[in-house]
Protein backbone atom coordinates (compact mmCIF):
# COMPACT_ATOMS: atom_id res chain seq x y z
CA UNK A 1 12.33 -8.96 -37.70
CA UNK A 2 8.84 -8.88 -39.22
CA UNK A 3 7.18 -5.66 -40.44
CA UNK A 4 4.44 -6.05 -37.46
CA UNK A 5 7.34 -6.52 -34.78
CA UNK A 6 9.42 -3.77 -36.14
CA UNK A 7 6.11 -1.38 -36.12
CA UNK A 8 5.48 -2.74 -32.53
CA UNK A 9 9.00 -1.75 -31.43
CA UNK A 10 8.84 1.55 -32.88
CA UNK A 11 5.70 2.36 -31.26
CA UNK A 12 7.03 1.22 -27.82
CA UNK A 13 10.15 3.29 -28.32
CA UNK A 14 8.18 6.46 -29.18
CA UNK A 15 5.78 6.01 -26.23
CA UNK A 16 8.59 5.34 -23.59
CA UNK A 17 9.18 8.63 -21.49
CA UNK A 18 12.60 9.80 -20.60
CA UNK A 19 12.25 8.41 -16.97
CA UNK A 20 11.36 4.76 -18.31
CA UNK A 21 14.27 4.96 -20.69
CA UNK A 22 16.72 5.98 -18.10
CA UNK A 23 15.32 3.39 -15.61
CA UNK A 24 15.52 0.57 -18.39
CA UNK A 25 19.12 1.38 -19.12
CA UNK A 26 20.08 1.78 -15.43
CA UNK A 27 18.36 -1.85 -15.02
CA UNK A 28 20.50 -3.30 -17.83
CA UNK A 29 23.67 -1.89 -16.06
CA UNK A 30 22.77 -3.59 -13.05
CA UNK A 31 22.16 -6.94 -14.85
CA UNK A 32 25.62 -6.83 -16.43
CA UNK A 33 27.31 -6.00 -13.11
CA UNK A 34 28.52 -2.48 -14.05
CA UNK A 35 26.42 -1.15 -11.42
CA UNK A 36 25.24 -2.67 -8.03
CA UNK A 37 22.18 -2.55 -5.77
CA UNK A 38 23.16 0.22 -3.19
CA UNK A 39 26.04 1.51 -5.05
CA UNK A 40 26.70 5.25 -5.90
CA UNK A 41 25.86 6.31 -9.41
CA UNK A 42 28.84 7.66 -11.70
CA UNK A 43 29.18 11.47 -12.05
CA UNK A 44 26.63 12.92 -14.45
CA UNK A 45 28.81 13.31 -17.46
CA UNK A 46 29.96 9.70 -17.17
CA UNK A 47 26.39 8.19 -16.48
CA UNK A 48 24.99 10.12 -19.56
CA UNK A 49 27.56 8.50 -21.76
CA UNK A 50 27.06 4.99 -20.20
CA UNK A 51 23.17 5.48 -20.62
CA UNK A 52 23.49 7.03 -24.03
CA UNK A 53 21.22 10.04 -23.26
CA UNK A 54 21.84 13.67 -22.90
CA UNK A 55 22.53 15.29 -19.57
CA UNK A 56 19.29 17.16 -19.65
CA UNK A 57 17.41 13.89 -20.25
CA UNK A 58 19.47 12.31 -17.49
CA UNK A 59 18.42 14.77 -14.84
CA UNK A 60 14.67 14.51 -15.88
CA UNK A 61 14.82 10.94 -15.59
CA UNK A 62 16.79 10.73 -12.28
CA UNK A 63 14.22 13.15 -10.76
CA UNK A 64 11.40 10.85 -11.54
CA UNK A 65 13.29 7.74 -10.25
CA UNK A 66 13.96 9.67 -7.07
CA UNK A 67 10.38 10.50 -6.60
CA UNK A 68 9.51 6.76 -7.19
CA UNK A 69 11.89 5.70 -4.50
CA UNK A 70 14.19 3.92 -6.88
CA UNK A 71 17.35 6.04 -6.27
CA UNK A 72 18.13 8.29 -3.48
CA UNK A 73 20.36 11.29 -3.04
CA UNK A 74 22.67 11.83 -0.27
CA UNK A 75 23.77 15.59 -0.07
CA UNK A 76 27.55 15.89 -0.59
CA UNK A 77 28.06 12.30 -1.54
CA UNK A 78 25.98 11.56 -4.65
CA UNK A 79 23.08 9.67 -5.86
CA UNK A 80 22.65 5.98 -4.93
CA UNK A 81 20.64 3.02 -6.25
CA UNK A 82 18.26 2.02 -3.45
CA UNK A 83 18.98 -1.22 -1.71
CA UNK A 84 15.27 -1.61 -0.62
CA UNK A 85 11.96 -0.52 -2.33
CA UNK A 86 9.86 -1.20 0.74
CA UNK A 87 8.66 2.54 1.25
CA UNK A 88 8.31 3.28 -2.54
CA UNK A 89 6.30 0.03 -3.22
CA UNK A 90 3.97 1.10 -0.23
CA UNK A 91 3.48 4.58 -1.60
CA UNK A 92 2.31 2.92 -5.02
CA UNK A 93 -0.18 0.71 -3.17
CA UNK A 94 -1.59 3.70 -1.30
CA UNK A 95 -1.99 5.53 -4.73
CA UNK A 96 -3.67 2.59 -6.16
CA UNK A 97 -6.52 2.69 -3.45
CA UNK A 98 -6.66 6.66 -3.92
CA UNK A 99 -7.11 6.35 -7.63
CA UNK A 100 -9.65 3.36 -7.07
CA UNK A 101 -7.73 1.04 -9.16
CA UNK A 102 -7.56 -1.32 -6.03
CA UNK A 103 -10.65 -1.44 -3.42
CA UNK A 104 -10.17 -1.84 0.28
CA UNK A 105 -12.30 -5.15 0.17
CA UNK A 106 -9.96 -6.45 -2.60
CA UNK A 107 -6.96 -6.04 -0.34
CA UNK A 108 -8.95 -7.72 2.52
CA UNK A 109 -9.82 -10.56 0.16
CA UNK A 110 -5.93 -10.87 -0.80
CA UNK A 111 -5.12 -10.80 3.01
CA UNK A 112 -7.59 -13.91 3.53
CA UNK A 113 -5.76 -15.75 0.98
CA UNK A 114 -2.18 -14.79 1.97
CA UNK A 115 -1.87 -14.30 5.84
CA UNK A 116 -3.40 -17.56 7.01
CA UNK A 117 -0.62 -19.34 4.88
CA UNK A 118 1.96 -16.84 6.38
CA UNK A 119 0.72 -17.67 9.92
CA UNK A 120 1.30 -21.31 9.20
CA UNK A 121 4.80 -20.63 7.85
CA UNK A 122 5.77 -18.83 10.98
CA UNK A 123 4.38 -21.69 13.07
CA UNK A 124 7.09 -23.71 11.26
CA UNK A 125 9.74 -21.34 11.00
CA UNK A 126 9.82 -18.74 14.00
CA UNK A 127 12.91 -18.32 15.94
CA UNK A 128 12.95 -17.75 19.66
CA UNK A 129 13.73 -13.93 18.86
CA UNK A 130 10.66 -13.80 16.62
CA UNK A 131 8.53 -15.12 19.11
CA UNK A 132 9.82 -12.63 21.76
CA UNK A 133 8.95 -9.71 19.38
CA UNK A 134 5.60 -10.95 18.76
CA UNK A 135 5.11 -11.28 22.48
CA UNK A 136 6.46 -7.67 23.02
CA UNK A 137 3.78 -6.48 20.59
CA UNK A 138 1.01 -8.46 22.31
CA UNK A 139 1.95 -7.04 25.57
CA UNK A 140 1.98 -3.53 24.03
CA UNK A 141 -1.63 -4.18 22.70
CA UNK A 142 -2.81 -5.18 26.10
CA UNK A 143 -1.32 -2.05 27.84
CA UNK A 144 -3.29 0.15 25.45
CA UNK A 145 -6.87 -0.66 25.51
CA UNK A 146 -7.67 2.94 26.36
CA UNK A 147 -5.50 4.24 23.66
CA UNK A 148 -6.67 3.07 20.23
CA UNK A 149 -3.95 4.65 18.18
CA UNK A 150 -1.26 3.11 20.28
CA UNK A 151 -3.12 -0.07 20.32
CA UNK A 152 -3.34 -0.10 16.49
CA UNK A 153 0.40 0.47 16.40
CA UNK A 154 1.10 -2.62 18.28
CA UNK A 155 -1.47 -4.67 16.52
CA UNK A 156 0.17 -3.66 13.17
CA UNK A 157 3.76 -4.62 14.83
CA UNK A 158 2.50 -7.95 15.65
CA UNK A 159 1.27 -8.64 12.14
CA UNK A 160 4.55 -7.51 10.84
CA UNK A 161 6.50 -9.73 13.12
CA UNK A 162 4.79 -12.87 12.29
CA UNK A 163 5.34 -11.86 8.54
CA UNK A 164 9.00 -11.71 9.16
CA UNK A 165 8.92 -15.06 11.21
CA UNK A 166 7.82 -16.69 7.90
CA UNK A 167 11.48 -16.16 6.52
CA UNK A 168 10.27 -15.22 3.13
CA UNK A 169 11.32 -11.61 1.81
CA UNK A 170 8.74 -11.54 -0.87
CA UNK A 171 5.84 -12.10 1.70
CA UNK A 172 7.38 -9.65 4.10
CA UNK A 173 7.53 -7.15 1.29
CA UNK A 174 3.98 -7.88 0.24
CA UNK A 175 2.48 -7.69 3.83
CA UNK A 176 4.36 -4.53 4.51
CA UNK A 177 2.67 -2.94 1.39
CA UNK A 178 -0.83 -3.98 2.41
CA UNK A 179 -0.42 -2.74 5.94
CA UNK A 180 0.73 0.58 5.04
CA UNK A 181 -1.97 1.05 2.40
CA UNK A 182 -4.56 0.04 4.80
CA UNK A 183 -3.52 2.27 7.70
CA UNK A 184 -5.97 4.92 7.18
CA UNK A 185 -8.81 2.57 6.73
CA UNK A 186 -7.75 0.57 9.81
CA UNK A 187 -7.81 3.96 11.69
CA UNK A 188 -11.26 4.89 10.65
CA UNK A 189 -12.46 1.40 12.01
CA UNK A 190 -10.93 1.98 15.38
CA UNK A 191 -14.03 3.32 16.90
CA UNK A 192 -16.19 0.43 15.76
CA UNK A 193 -14.18 -2.23 17.82
CA UNK A 194 -16.66 -2.98 20.55
CA UNK A 195 -14.22 -4.82 22.93
CA UNK A 196 -10.55 -4.30 22.67
CA UNK A 197 -9.81 -7.22 25.09
CA UNK A 198 -11.68 -9.50 22.95
CA UNK A 199 -9.64 -8.35 19.84
CA UNK A 200 -6.34 -8.68 21.88
CA UNK A 201 -7.24 -12.25 22.84
CA UNK A 202 -7.60 -13.40 19.30
CA UNK A 203 -4.19 -12.11 18.63
CA UNK A 204 -2.98 -13.72 21.75
CA UNK A 205 -4.39 -16.99 20.64
CA UNK A 206 -2.61 -16.68 17.24
CA UNK A 207 0.77 -16.19 19.16
CA UNK A 208 0.07 -19.17 21.14
CA UNK A 209 -0.48 -21.39 18.25
CA UNK A 210 2.49 -20.03 16.58
CA UNK A 211 4.56 -20.84 19.59
CA UNK A 212 3.22 -24.48 19.77
CA UNK A 213 4.15 -24.93 16.09
CA UNK A 214 0.38 -25.56 15.21
CA UNK A 215 0.33 -24.36 11.64
CA UNK A 216 -3.25 -25.64 11.02
CA UNK A 217 -4.52 -23.80 14.14
CA UNK A 218 -2.53 -20.57 13.54
CA UNK A 219 -3.92 -20.63 9.90
CA UNK A 220 -7.42 -20.91 11.21
CA UNK A 221 -6.95 -18.24 13.93
CA UNK A 222 -5.64 -15.62 11.54
CA UNK A 223 -8.51 -16.17 9.19
CA UNK A 224 -11.01 -15.71 11.92
CA UNK A 225 -9.35 -12.43 12.97
CA UNK A 226 -9.41 -11.35 9.27
CA UNK A 227 -13.25 -12.13 9.04
CA UNK A 228 -13.77 -9.86 12.05
CA UNK A 229 -11.63 -7.03 10.78
CA UNK A 230 -13.62 -7.36 7.33
CA UNK A 231 -16.97 -6.80 9.01
CA UNK A 232 -15.66 -3.58 10.64
CA UNK A 233 -14.22 -2.47 7.32
CA UNK A 234 -17.63 -3.15 5.58
CA UNK A 235 -19.30 -1.14 8.37
CA UNK A 236 -17.11 1.87 7.74
CA UNK A 237 -17.59 1.63 3.88
CA UNK A 238 -21.28 1.57 4.33
CA UNK A 239 -21.16 4.62 6.60
CA UNK A 240 -19.05 6.59 3.98
CA UNK A 241 -21.49 5.44 1.46
CA UNK A 242 -24.34 6.64 3.41
CA UNK A 243 -22.58 10.06 4.16
CA UNK A 244 -21.71 10.71 0.42
CA UNK A 245 -25.44 10.05 -0.52
CA UNK A 246 -26.66 12.69 2.06
CA UNK A 247 -24.06 15.22 0.87
CA UNK A 248 -25.24 14.62 -2.73
CA UNK A 249 -28.87 15.27 -1.81
CA UNK A 250 -27.97 18.50 0.07
CA UNK A 251 -26.02 19.62 -3.06
CA UNK A 252 -28.86 18.84 -5.29
CA UNK A 253 -31.44 20.78 -3.57
CA UNK A 254 -30.04 24.46 -4.56
CA UNK A 255 -29.92 23.08 -8.19
CA UNK A 256 -33.64 22.22 -8.05
CA UNK A 257 -34.40 25.67 -6.83
CA UNK A 258 -32.45 27.35 -9.64
CA UNK A 259 -34.45 25.24 -12.42
CA UNK A 260 -37.83 26.08 -10.86
CA UNK A 261 -37.10 29.81 -11.21
CA UNK A 262 -37.17 30.38 -14.98
CA UNK A 263 -40.65 28.72 -15.08
CA UNK A 264 -41.97 31.21 -12.62
CA UNK A 265 -40.50 34.07 -14.52
CA UNK A 266 -42.11 32.66 -17.75
CA UNK A 267 -45.59 32.63 -15.95
CA UNK A 268 -45.14 36.25 -14.96
CA UNK A 269 -44.27 37.16 -18.29
CA UNK A 270 -47.30 35.59 -19.80
CA UNK A 271 -49.62 37.43 -17.28
CA UNK A 272 -47.94 40.70 -18.17
CA UNK A 273 -48.82 39.83 -21.94
């Protein structure tokens, strides 16, 4: 190993947290077959030996992994490796939005790239059961024009179902992450929907095209719907920006008054002198 590579390895080891070290070693045990996805972790003393860490370090690492959703505790049964990371991954996507590492409009750009292709796959691969579930979601939307929250839940269910109909686990996971992250923004745009029936008809059209196995038509229909949704999002973001600007102006007013006060006092002191 070269001196540079050795130095890089040493620096990486030093910067690695206890949680990262525990996670990396558990990953290696899964790869080797000593642990399986969904299986129960060995008792703490045994696991500490397997991972080559102290029991206190192991506890610290496991707490972090549990918070991230990589493992889960079952009271009275032990600690298990998660068999699905959907919820944990969705939480990370939400935090990326909160920390402004990712912007809402960037996610919509991703949706416009991904979802039309997903609809095309669904048109080719959807089973009769998939179509029934999408139909149920569409009927739920239609019966909830006067109840926006319920309407949104049924609309989300429709998008999730045509994601499942694509028969691709990676796509399904990505869509679930995006939808969970966008839920709050979607809720804010609900009052901006001028006509719920027109919105519903766009989704009904998507379903009909998928049911007809019209991949190209389904692709275009989903893209049209996403463009409409993006216009609502832009309106909401603009309204938020205007609100923040007004709040900022109001907060600046008292500070302006405070800055003028010393000047008045100085003039008074000069007159007295």
